[in-house]
């Protein structure tokens, strides 16, 4: 099964997450198929905290990829801000 989930990066106490498409069996920070965007939980001021390639997200959902609950929450909050 293919999932859309977060992959952690950054340094200790400075998290940064990539939103990736990966096989469910691979490790959290291991191999992935495609990077769709990023999430920066400690973005300040005018910095961008979330970016997602909507066309690729739509494609992967169309072929059956399921988003993790955290990614679903982030996407819902981004859609709410955009509206």
C-alpha atoms as a PDB file:
ATOM      1  CA  UNK A   1       0.000   0.000   0.000  1.00  0.00           C
ATOM      2  CA  UNK A   2       1.166   3.531  -0.794  1.00  0.00           C
ATOM      3  CA  UNK A   3       0.762   6.237   1.848  1.00  0.00           C
ATOM      4  CA  UNK A   4       1.240   9.995   2.016  1.00  0.00           C
ATOM      5  CA  UNK A   5       3.022  10.800   5.257  1.00  0.00           C
ATOM      6  CA  UNK A   6       5.562  13.010   6.997  1.00  0.00           C
ATOM      7  CA  UNK A   7       9.293  12.315   6.930  1.00  0.00           C
ATOM      8  CA  UNK A   8      11.286  14.109   9.630  1.00  0.00           C
ATOM      9  CA  UNK A   9      14.334  16.201   8.935  1.00  0.00           C
ATOM     10  CA  UNK A  10      16.025  19.156  10.597  1.00  0.00           C
ATOM     11  CA  UNK A  11      18.090  19.216  13.737  1.00  0.00           C
ATOM     12  CA  UNK A  12      17.466  18.386  17.362  1.00  0.00           C
ATOM     13  CA  UNK A  13      14.757  20.721  18.726  1.00  0.00           C
ATOM     14  CA  UNK A  14      14.316  22.242  15.198  1.00  0.00           C
ATOM     15  CA  UNK A  15      11.972  19.855  13.372  1.00  0.00           C
ATOM     16  CA  UNK A  16      11.247  20.062   9.661  1.00  0.00           C
ATOM     17  CA  UNK A  17       9.039  17.593   7.828  1.00  0.00           C
ATOM     18  CA  UNK A  18       8.813  16.589   4.185  1.00  0.00           C
ATOM     19  CA  UNK A  19       5.452  15.371   2.905  1.00  0.00           C
ATOM     20  CA  UNK A  20       6.288  12.252   0.926  1.00  0.00           C
ATOM     21  CA  UNK A  21       4.634   9.376  -0.910  1.00  0.00           C
ATOM     22  CA  UNK A  22       6.090   6.100   0.328  1.00  0.00           C
ATOM     23  CA  UNK A  23       5.451   2.407   0.576  1.00  0.00           C
ATOM     24  CA  UNK A  24       3.794   1.642   3.901  1.00  0.00           C
ATOM     25  CA  UNK A  25       6.468  -0.935   4.720  1.00  0.00           C
ATOM     26  CA  UNK A  26       9.383   1.500   4.463  1.00  0.00           C
ATOM     27  CA  UNK A  27      10.782   3.308   7.493  1.00  0.00           C
ATOM     28  CA  UNK A  28       9.547   6.801   8.397  1.00  0.00           C
ATOM     29  CA  UNK A  29      12.697   8.536   7.190  1.00  0.00           C
ATOM     30  CA  UNK A  30      13.679   5.834   4.690  1.00  0.00           C
ATOM     31  CA  UNK A  31      13.035   5.437   0.989  1.00  0.00           C
ATOM     32  CA  UNK A  32      10.180   7.313  -0.592  1.00  0.00           C
ATOM     33  CA  UNK A  33       8.647   7.496  -4.051  1.00  0.00           C
ATOM     34  CA  UNK A  34       8.060  11.239  -4.395  1.00  0.00           C
ATOM     35  CA  UNK A  35       8.306  14.409  -2.308  1.00  0.00           C
ATOM     36  CA  UNK A  36       5.089  16.429  -2.441  1.00  0.00           C
ATOM     37  CA  UNK A  37       5.965  19.350  -0.183  1.00  0.00           C
ATOM     38  CA  UNK A  38       7.030  20.330   3.291  1.00  0.00           C
ATOM     39  CA  UNK A  39       5.749  21.321   6.726  1.00  0.00           C
ATOM     40  CA  UNK A  40       7.695  23.617   9.043  1.00  0.00           C
ATOM     41  CA  UNK A  41       6.015  23.622  12.485  1.00  0.00           C
ATOM     42  CA  UNK A  42       8.244  26.384  13.872  1.00  0.00           C
ATOM     43  CA  UNK A  43       7.867  28.881  11.005  1.00  0.00           C
ATOM     44  CA  UNK A  44       7.888  32.462  12.257  1.00  0.00           C
ATOM     45  CA  UNK A  45       6.512  35.689  10.855  1.00  0.00           C
ATOM     46  CA  UNK A  46       6.344  35.704   7.076  1.00  0.00           C
ATOM     47  CA  UNK A  47       7.898  32.269   6.616  1.00  0.00           C
ATOM     48  CA  UNK A  48       5.896  29.651   4.785  1.00  0.00           C
ATOM     49  CA  UNK A  49       4.889  26.800   7.093  1.00  0.00           C
ATOM     50  CA  UNK A  50       3.220  24.435   4.620  1.00  0.00           C
ATOM     51  CA  UNK A  51       3.633  23.865   0.896  1.00  0.00           C
ATOM     52  CA  UNK A  52       2.066  21.021  -1.086  1.00  0.00           C
ATOM     53  CA  UNK A  53       2.017  20.337  -4.833  1.00  0.00           C
ATOM     54  CA  UNK A  54      -1.765  20.029  -5.239  1.00  0.00           C
ATOM     55  CA  UNK A  55      -1.616  18.466  -8.713  1.00  0.00           C
ATOM     56  CA  UNK A  56       0.635  15.638  -7.521  1.00  0.00           C
ATOM     57  CA  UNK A  57      -1.442  15.175  -4.370  1.00  0.00           C
ATOM     58  CA  UNK A  58      -4.557  14.795  -6.514  1.00  0.00           C
ATOM     59  CA  UNK A  59      -2.761  12.298  -8.747  1.00  0.00           C
ATOM     60  CA  UNK A  60      -1.574  10.111  -5.883  1.00  0.00           C
ATOM     61  CA  UNK A  61      -4.979  10.120  -4.209  1.00  0.00           C
ATOM     62  CA  UNK A  62      -6.497   9.183  -7.568  1.00  0.00           C
ATOM     63  CA  UNK A  63      -4.322   6.077  -7.836  1.00  0.00           C
ATOM     64  CA  UNK A  64      -5.198   4.945  -4.307  1.00  0.00           C
ATOM     65  CA  UNK A  65      -2.630   6.469  -1.945  1.00  0.00           C
ATOM     66  CA  UNK A  66      -4.014   7.173   1.515  1.00  0.00           C
ATOM     67  CA  UNK A  67      -2.874  10.115   3.620  1.00  0.00           C
ATOM     68  CA  UNK A  68      -1.889   9.649   7.253  1.00  0.00           C
ATOM     69  CA  UNK A  69      -4.158  11.296   9.854  1.00  0.00           C
ATOM     70  CA  UNK A  70      -1.563  14.010  10.505  1.00  0.00           C
ATOM     71  CA  UNK A  71      -1.240  14.862   6.823  1.00  0.00           C
ATOM     72  CA  UNK A  72      -5.055  14.925   6.513  1.00  0.00           C
ATOM     73  CA  UNK A  73      -5.220  17.397   9.403  1.00  0.00           C
ATOM     74  CA  UNK A  74      -2.534  19.623   7.867  1.00  0.00           C
ATOM     75  CA  UNK A  75      -4.232  19.633   4.468  1.00  0.00           C
ATOM     76  CA  UNK A  76      -7.605  20.433   6.015  1.00  0.00           C
ATOM     77  CA  UNK A  77      -6.167  23.364   7.955  1.00  0.00           C
ATOM     78  CA  UNK A  78      -4.382  24.647   4.821  1.00  0.00           C
ATOM     79  CA  UNK A  79      -7.617  24.450   2.828  1.00  0.00           C
ATOM     80  CA  UNK A  80      -9.435  26.287   5.597  1.00  0.00           C
ATOM     81  CA  UNK A  81      -6.824  29.097   5.554  1.00  0.00           C
ATOM     82  CA  UNK A  82      -6.992  29.356   1.755  1.00  0.00           C
ATOM     83  CA  UNK A  83     -10.780  29.701   1.748  1.00  0.00           C
END
